[in-house]
């Protein structure tokens, strides 16, 4: 995916493994960006699974986040999982929480 969508990532879409999100401000812009991404997939002989595609959605869930015109927010189930996580009772548990939170923070799509 990195190679196929090389110069489109960050300006027209974001990818993670085999997931691709195309973002835009208008329907016309979305259609143009979608066309460019689909052309790249076609050139690489990639096929899409229709049941896994959602096109022109006002809000999507992606990597545990909700992306919309209002910005990026964590999905409700992710927030509840964090709220329900037990408080660390020793240095080892504290270190585990810190590693997980650092890992999650590094993957937070703030720039979307």
N, C-alpha and C. Protein backbone atom coordinates (compact mmCIF):
# COMPACT_ATOMS: atom_id res chain seq x y z
N UNK A 1 0.83 -1.19 0.00
CA UNK A 1 0.00 0.00 0.00
C UNK A 1 0.87 1.25 0.00
N UNK A 2 1.96 1.22 0.79
CA UNK A 2 2.84 2.39 0.81
C UNK A 2 3.37 2.71 -0.58
N UNK A 3 3.76 1.68 -1.30
CA UNK A 3 4.33 1.87 -2.64
C UNK A 3 3.25 2.29 -3.63
N UNK A 4 2.11 1.67 -3.56
CA UNK A 4 1.02 1.92 -4.51
C UNK A 4 0.48 3.34 -4.38
N UNK A 5 0.32 3.81 -3.15
CA UNK A 5 -0.26 5.13 -2.92
C UNK A 5 0.79 6.16 -2.52
N UNK A 6 2.02 5.89 -2.88
CA UNK A 6 3.20 6.65 -2.48
C UNK A 6 2.98 8.15 -2.27
N UNK A 7 2.72 8.90 -3.29
CA UNK A 7 2.63 10.36 -3.14
C UNK A 7 1.21 10.85 -2.86
N UNK A 8 0.27 9.96 -2.57
CA UNK A 8 -1.08 10.37 -2.21
C UNK A 8 -1.30 10.36 -0.69
N UNK A 9 -0.48 9.61 0.02
CA UNK A 9 -0.63 9.50 1.47
C UNK A 9 -0.32 10.84 2.13
N UNK A 10 -1.25 11.28 2.95
CA UNK A 10 -1.09 12.54 3.65
C UNK A 10 -1.76 13.72 2.97
N UNK A 11 -1.95 13.61 1.65
CA UNK A 11 -2.63 14.69 0.94
C UNK A 11 -4.01 14.27 0.45
N UNK A 12 -4.17 13.00 0.15
CA UNK A 12 -5.45 12.51 -0.37
C UNK A 12 -6.02 11.38 0.47
N UNK A 13 -5.14 10.66 1.15
CA UNK A 13 -5.60 9.50 1.92
C UNK A 13 -4.60 9.18 3.04
N UNK A 14 -5.04 8.31 3.91
CA UNK A 14 -4.17 7.72 4.93
C UNK A 14 -4.34 6.22 4.83
N UNK A 15 -3.26 5.49 5.09
CA UNK A 15 -3.32 4.04 5.04
C UNK A 15 -2.73 3.44 6.30
N UNK A 16 -3.23 2.27 6.63
CA UNK A 16 -2.66 1.46 7.71
C UNK A 16 -2.87 0.01 7.30
N UNK A 17 -1.77 -0.68 7.06
CA UNK A 17 -1.80 -2.05 6.55
C UNK A 17 -2.64 -2.10 5.28
N UNK A 18 -3.84 -2.71 5.34
CA UNK A 18 -4.66 -2.78 4.13
C UNK A 18 -5.90 -1.89 4.21
N UNK A 19 -5.90 -0.96 5.14
CA UNK A 19 -7.01 -0.01 5.26
C UNK A 19 -6.62 1.32 4.63
N UNK A 20 -7.56 1.93 3.96
CA UNK A 20 -7.32 3.21 3.31
C UNK A 20 -8.50 4.14 3.61
N UNK A 21 -8.20 5.35 4.06
CA UNK A 21 -9.23 6.37 4.29
C UNK A 21 -8.93 7.55 3.38
N UNK A 22 -9.92 7.93 2.61
CA UNK A 22 -9.81 9.09 1.72
C UNK A 22 -10.61 10.22 2.36
N UNK A 23 -10.01 11.38 2.47
CA UNK A 23 -10.67 12.50 3.14
C UNK A 23 -10.83 13.67 2.18
N UNK A 24 -11.89 14.45 2.38
CA UNK A 24 -12.14 15.59 1.50
C UNK A 24 -13.13 16.54 2.16
N UNK A 25 -13.24 17.72 1.57
CA UNK A 25 -14.17 18.74 2.08
C UNK A 25 -15.47 18.81 1.30
N UNK A 26 -15.43 18.39 0.04
CA UNK A 26 -16.63 18.45 -0.80
C UNK A 26 -16.81 17.13 -1.54
N UNK A 27 -18.02 16.93 -2.05
CA UNK A 27 -18.31 15.72 -2.82
C UNK A 27 -17.46 15.65 -4.08
N UNK A 28 -17.26 16.79 -4.73
CA UNK A 28 -16.47 16.82 -5.95
C UNK A 28 -15.01 16.46 -5.67
N UNK A 29 -14.48 17.04 -4.60
CA UNK A 29 -13.09 16.74 -4.21
C UNK A 29 -12.96 15.27 -3.85
N UNK A 30 -13.96 14.73 -3.16
CA UNK A 30 -13.93 13.32 -2.77
C UNK A 30 -13.93 12.42 -4.00
N UNK A 31 -14.74 12.77 -4.98
CA UNK A 31 -14.80 11.98 -6.21
C UNK A 31 -13.46 11.98 -6.94
N UNK A 32 -12.80 13.14 -7.00
CA UNK A 32 -11.49 13.22 -7.67
C UNK A 32 -10.45 12.36 -6.92
N UNK A 33 -10.41 12.50 -5.60
CA UNK A 33 -9.44 11.74 -4.82
C UNK A 33 -9.72 10.24 -4.89
N UNK A 34 -10.98 9.87 -4.82
CA UNK A 34 -11.37 8.47 -4.91
C UNK A 34 -10.94 7.90 -6.26
N UNK A 35 -11.14 8.65 -7.31
CA UNK A 35 -10.73 8.21 -8.65
C UNK A 35 -9.23 7.96 -8.71
N UNK A 36 -8.43 8.87 -8.16
CA UNK A 36 -6.96 8.70 -8.19
C UNK A 36 -6.54 7.46 -7.40
N UNK A 37 -7.14 7.26 -6.24
CA UNK A 37 -6.79 6.09 -5.42
C UNK A 37 -7.21 4.81 -6.14
N UNK A 38 -8.42 4.79 -6.68
CA UNK A 38 -8.89 3.59 -7.38
C UNK A 38 -8.06 3.29 -8.63
N UNK A 39 -7.59 4.33 -9.32
CA UNK A 39 -6.70 4.12 -10.47
C UNK A 39 -5.41 3.43 -10.04
N UNK A 40 -4.86 3.86 -8.91
CA UNK A 40 -3.64 3.22 -8.40
C UNK A 40 -3.89 1.75 -8.06
N UNK A 41 -5.02 1.48 -7.42
CA UNK A 41 -5.35 0.09 -7.10
C UNK A 41 -5.48 -0.73 -8.37
N UNK A 42 -6.12 -0.17 -9.38
CA UNK A 42 -6.30 -0.86 -10.65
C UNK A 42 -4.95 -1.13 -11.32
N UNK A 43 -4.07 -0.14 -11.33
CA UNK A 43 -2.74 -0.30 -11.93
C UNK A 43 -1.94 -1.40 -11.23
N UNK A 44 -2.18 -1.58 -9.94
CA UNK A 44 -1.46 -2.60 -9.16
C UNK A 44 -2.21 -3.93 -9.14
N UNK A 45 -3.31 -4.00 -9.91
CA UNK A 45 -4.15 -5.21 -9.96
C UNK A 45 -4.69 -5.61 -8.60
N UNK A 46 -4.98 -4.63 -7.77
CA UNK A 46 -5.60 -4.90 -6.47
C UNK A 46 -7.11 -4.90 -6.63
N UNK A 47 -7.75 -5.81 -5.92
CA UNK A 47 -9.20 -5.87 -5.94
C UNK A 47 -9.73 -5.48 -4.57
N UNK A 48 -10.84 -4.77 -4.55
CA UNK A 48 -11.47 -4.37 -3.30
C UNK A 48 -12.61 -5.32 -2.99
N UNK A 49 -12.84 -5.53 -1.71
CA UNK A 49 -13.97 -6.34 -1.26
C UNK A 49 -15.14 -5.40 -1.05
N UNK A 50 -16.17 -5.45 -1.89
CA UNK A 50 -17.28 -4.49 -1.80
C UNK A 50 -17.92 -4.41 -0.42
N UNK A 51 -17.99 -5.53 0.28
CA UNK A 51 -18.60 -5.54 1.60
C UNK A 51 -17.79 -4.80 2.65
N UNK A 52 -16.53 -4.54 2.34
CA UNK A 52 -15.67 -3.85 3.30
C UNK A 52 -15.44 -2.38 2.91
N UNK A 53 -16.07 -1.94 1.85
CA UNK A 53 -15.89 -0.57 1.39
C UNK A 53 -17.05 0.31 1.85
N UNK A 54 -16.70 1.49 2.30
CA UNK A 54 -17.70 2.51 2.64
C UNK A 54 -17.27 3.78 1.94
N UNK A 55 -18.07 4.25 1.02
CA UNK A 55 -17.68 5.39 0.19
C UNK A 55 -18.58 6.59 0.51
N UNK A 56 -17.95 7.77 0.60
CA UNK A 56 -18.64 9.04 0.84
C UNK A 56 -19.43 9.03 2.14
N UNK A 57 -18.78 8.64 3.20
CA UNK A 57 -19.40 8.59 4.52
C UNK A 57 -19.10 9.87 5.30
N UNK A 58 -20.08 10.42 6.01
CA UNK A 58 -19.82 11.64 6.79
C UNK A 58 -18.99 11.36 8.04
N UNK A 59 -19.02 10.10 8.50
CA UNK A 59 -18.26 9.72 9.69
C UNK A 59 -17.83 8.27 9.53
N UNK A 60 -16.56 7.97 9.85
CA UNK A 60 -16.07 6.60 9.77
C UNK A 60 -15.29 6.25 11.03
N UNK A 61 -15.31 4.97 11.36
CA UNK A 61 -14.48 4.46 12.45
C UNK A 61 -13.22 3.91 11.82
N UNK A 62 -12.07 4.33 12.33
CA UNK A 62 -10.79 3.95 11.75
C UNK A 62 -9.76 3.84 12.86
N UNK A 63 -9.22 2.65 13.05
CA UNK A 63 -8.18 2.39 14.03
C UNK A 63 -8.57 2.83 15.44
N UNK A 64 -9.83 2.61 15.80
CA UNK A 64 -10.29 2.96 17.14
C UNK A 64 -10.67 4.41 17.31
N UNK A 65 -10.76 5.14 16.22
CA UNK A 65 -11.14 6.55 16.26
C UNK A 65 -12.32 6.79 15.33
N UNK A 66 -13.08 7.85 15.63
CA UNK A 66 -14.13 8.31 14.73
C UNK A 66 -13.62 9.54 14.01
N UNK A 67 -13.65 9.50 12.69
CA UNK A 67 -13.21 10.62 11.87
C UNK A 67 -14.44 11.25 11.23
N UNK A 68 -14.55 12.56 11.35
CA UNK A 68 -15.68 13.26 10.75
C UNK A 68 -15.27 14.69 10.44
N UNK A 69 -16.22 15.47 9.93
CA UNK A 69 -15.93 16.88 9.66
C UNK A 69 -15.71 17.67 10.94
N UNK A 70 -16.08 17.09 12.08
CA UNK A 70 -15.87 17.74 13.37
C UNK A 70 -14.49 17.44 13.96
N UNK A 71 -13.76 16.52 13.33
CA UNK A 71 -12.42 16.19 13.81
C UNK A 71 -12.27 14.72 14.14
N UNK A 72 -11.33 14.42 15.00
CA UNK A 72 -10.99 13.06 15.38
C UNK A 72 -11.34 12.87 16.85
N UNK A 73 -12.01 11.76 17.16
CA UNK A 73 -12.31 11.44 18.55
C UNK A 73 -12.23 9.92 18.73
N UNK A 74 -11.98 9.52 19.95
CA UNK A 74 -11.91 8.09 20.26
C UNK A 74 -13.32 7.51 20.21
N UNK A 75 -13.44 6.26 19.77
CA UNK A 75 -14.75 5.62 19.77
C UNK A 75 -15.17 5.36 21.21
N UNK A 76 -16.47 5.28 21.41
CA UNK A 76 -17.02 5.11 22.76
C UNK A 76 -16.49 3.87 23.45
N UNK A 77 -16.35 2.77 22.72
CA UNK A 77 -15.86 1.54 23.36
C UNK A 77 -14.40 1.67 23.79
N UNK A 78 -13.61 2.44 23.08
CA UNK A 78 -12.22 2.66 23.48
C UNK A 78 -12.16 3.51 24.74
N UNK A 79 -13.00 4.54 24.82
CA UNK A 79 -13.03 5.39 26.01
C UNK A 79 -13.46 4.56 27.22
N UNK A 80 -14.47 3.73 27.05
CA UNK A 80 -14.94 2.89 28.17
C UNK A 80 -13.87 1.89 28.60
N UNK A 81 -13.13 1.35 27.64
CA UNK A 81 -12.06 0.40 27.99
C UNK A 81 -10.99 1.09 28.82
N UNK A 82 -10.67 2.32 28.49
CA UNK A 82 -9.66 3.05 29.26
C UNK A 82 -10.19 3.41 30.64
N UNK A 83 -11.44 3.85 30.70
CA UNK A 83 -12.03 4.20 31.99
C UNK A 83 -12.09 2.99 32.92
N UNK A 84 -12.36 1.82 32.33
CA UNK A 84 -12.49 0.61 33.13
C UNK A 84 -11.19 -0.08 33.46
N UNK A 85 -10.08 0.43 32.95
CA UNK A 85 -8.78 -0.20 33.20
C UNK A 85 -8.41 -0.01 34.66
N UNK A 86 -7.96 -1.08 35.34
CA UNK A 86 -7.64 -0.95 36.77
C UNK A 86 -6.45 -0.01 37.01
N UNK A 87 -6.52 0.71 38.11
CA UNK A 87 -5.42 1.61 38.46
C UNK A 87 -4.20 0.78 38.84
N UNK A 88 -3.01 1.22 38.42
CA UNK A 88 -1.80 0.47 38.74
C UNK A 88 -1.55 0.48 40.25
N UNK A 89 -1.17 -0.70 40.77
CA UNK A 89 -0.93 -0.82 42.20
C UNK A 89 0.55 -0.97 42.55
N UNK A 90 1.38 -1.12 41.54
CA UNK A 90 2.82 -1.24 41.79
C UNK A 90 3.58 -0.70 40.57
N UNK A 91 4.88 -0.67 40.67
CA UNK A 91 5.72 -0.09 39.61
C UNK A 91 5.58 -0.87 38.30
N UNK A 92 5.48 -2.18 38.39
CA UNK A 92 5.35 -3.00 37.18
C UNK A 92 4.05 -2.65 36.44
N UNK A 93 2.94 -2.60 37.15
CA UNK A 93 1.66 -2.27 36.52
C UNK A 93 1.67 -0.84 35.98
N UNK A 94 2.30 0.07 36.70
CA UNK A 94 2.40 1.45 36.23
C UNK A 94 3.17 1.49 34.91
N UNK A 95 4.27 0.74 34.84
CA UNK A 95 5.07 0.70 33.62
C UNK A 95 4.26 0.15 32.45
N UNK A 96 3.44 -0.87 32.71
CA UNK A 96 2.60 -1.45 31.66
C UNK A 96 1.61 -0.43 31.12
N UNK A 97 0.97 0.30 32.03
CA UNK A 97 0.00 1.32 31.62
C UNK A 97 0.71 2.40 30.81
N UNK A 98 1.88 2.76 31.23
CA UNK A 98 2.64 3.80 30.53
C UNK A 98 3.04 3.35 29.12
N UNK A 99 3.46 2.12 28.99
CA UNK A 99 3.84 1.59 27.67
C UNK A 99 2.63 1.58 26.74
N UNK A 100 1.50 1.10 27.24
CA UNK A 100 0.29 1.04 26.42
C UNK A 100 -0.17 2.44 26.03
N UNK A 101 -0.15 3.37 26.97
CA UNK A 101 -0.62 4.72 26.66
C UNK A 101 0.34 5.42 25.70
N UNK A 102 1.62 5.19 25.84
CA UNK A 102 2.60 5.78 24.93
C UNK A 102 2.42 5.21 23.53
N UNK A 103 2.21 3.90 23.45
CA UNK A 103 2.00 3.24 22.16
C UNK A 103 0.74 3.79 21.50
N UNK A 104 -0.35 3.88 22.26
CA UNK A 104 -1.61 4.38 21.70
C UNK A 104 -1.49 5.84 21.28
N UNK A 105 -0.80 6.63 22.08
CA UNK A 105 -0.65 8.05 21.76
C UNK A 105 0.14 8.23 20.47
N UNK A 106 1.15 7.41 20.27
CA UNK A 106 1.97 7.51 19.05
C UNK A 106 1.17 7.16 17.80
N UNK A 107 0.10 6.39 17.96
CA UNK A 107 -0.71 5.98 16.82
C UNK A 107 -1.99 6.79 16.70
N UNK A 108 -2.14 7.79 17.51
CA UNK A 108 -3.30 8.65 17.47
C UNK A 108 -3.25 9.53 16.22
N UNK A 109 -4.32 9.49 15.41
CA UNK A 109 -4.29 10.24 14.14
C UNK A 109 -4.61 11.73 14.32
N UNK A 110 -3.79 12.43 15.07
CA UNK A 110 -4.03 13.85 15.33
C UNK A 110 -4.01 14.69 14.06
N UNK A 111 -3.21 14.24 13.10
CA UNK A 111 -3.02 15.06 11.90
C UNK A 111 -4.12 14.87 10.86
N UNK A 112 -5.09 14.01 11.13
CA UNK A 112 -6.14 13.78 10.13
C UNK A 112 -7.06 14.95 10.02
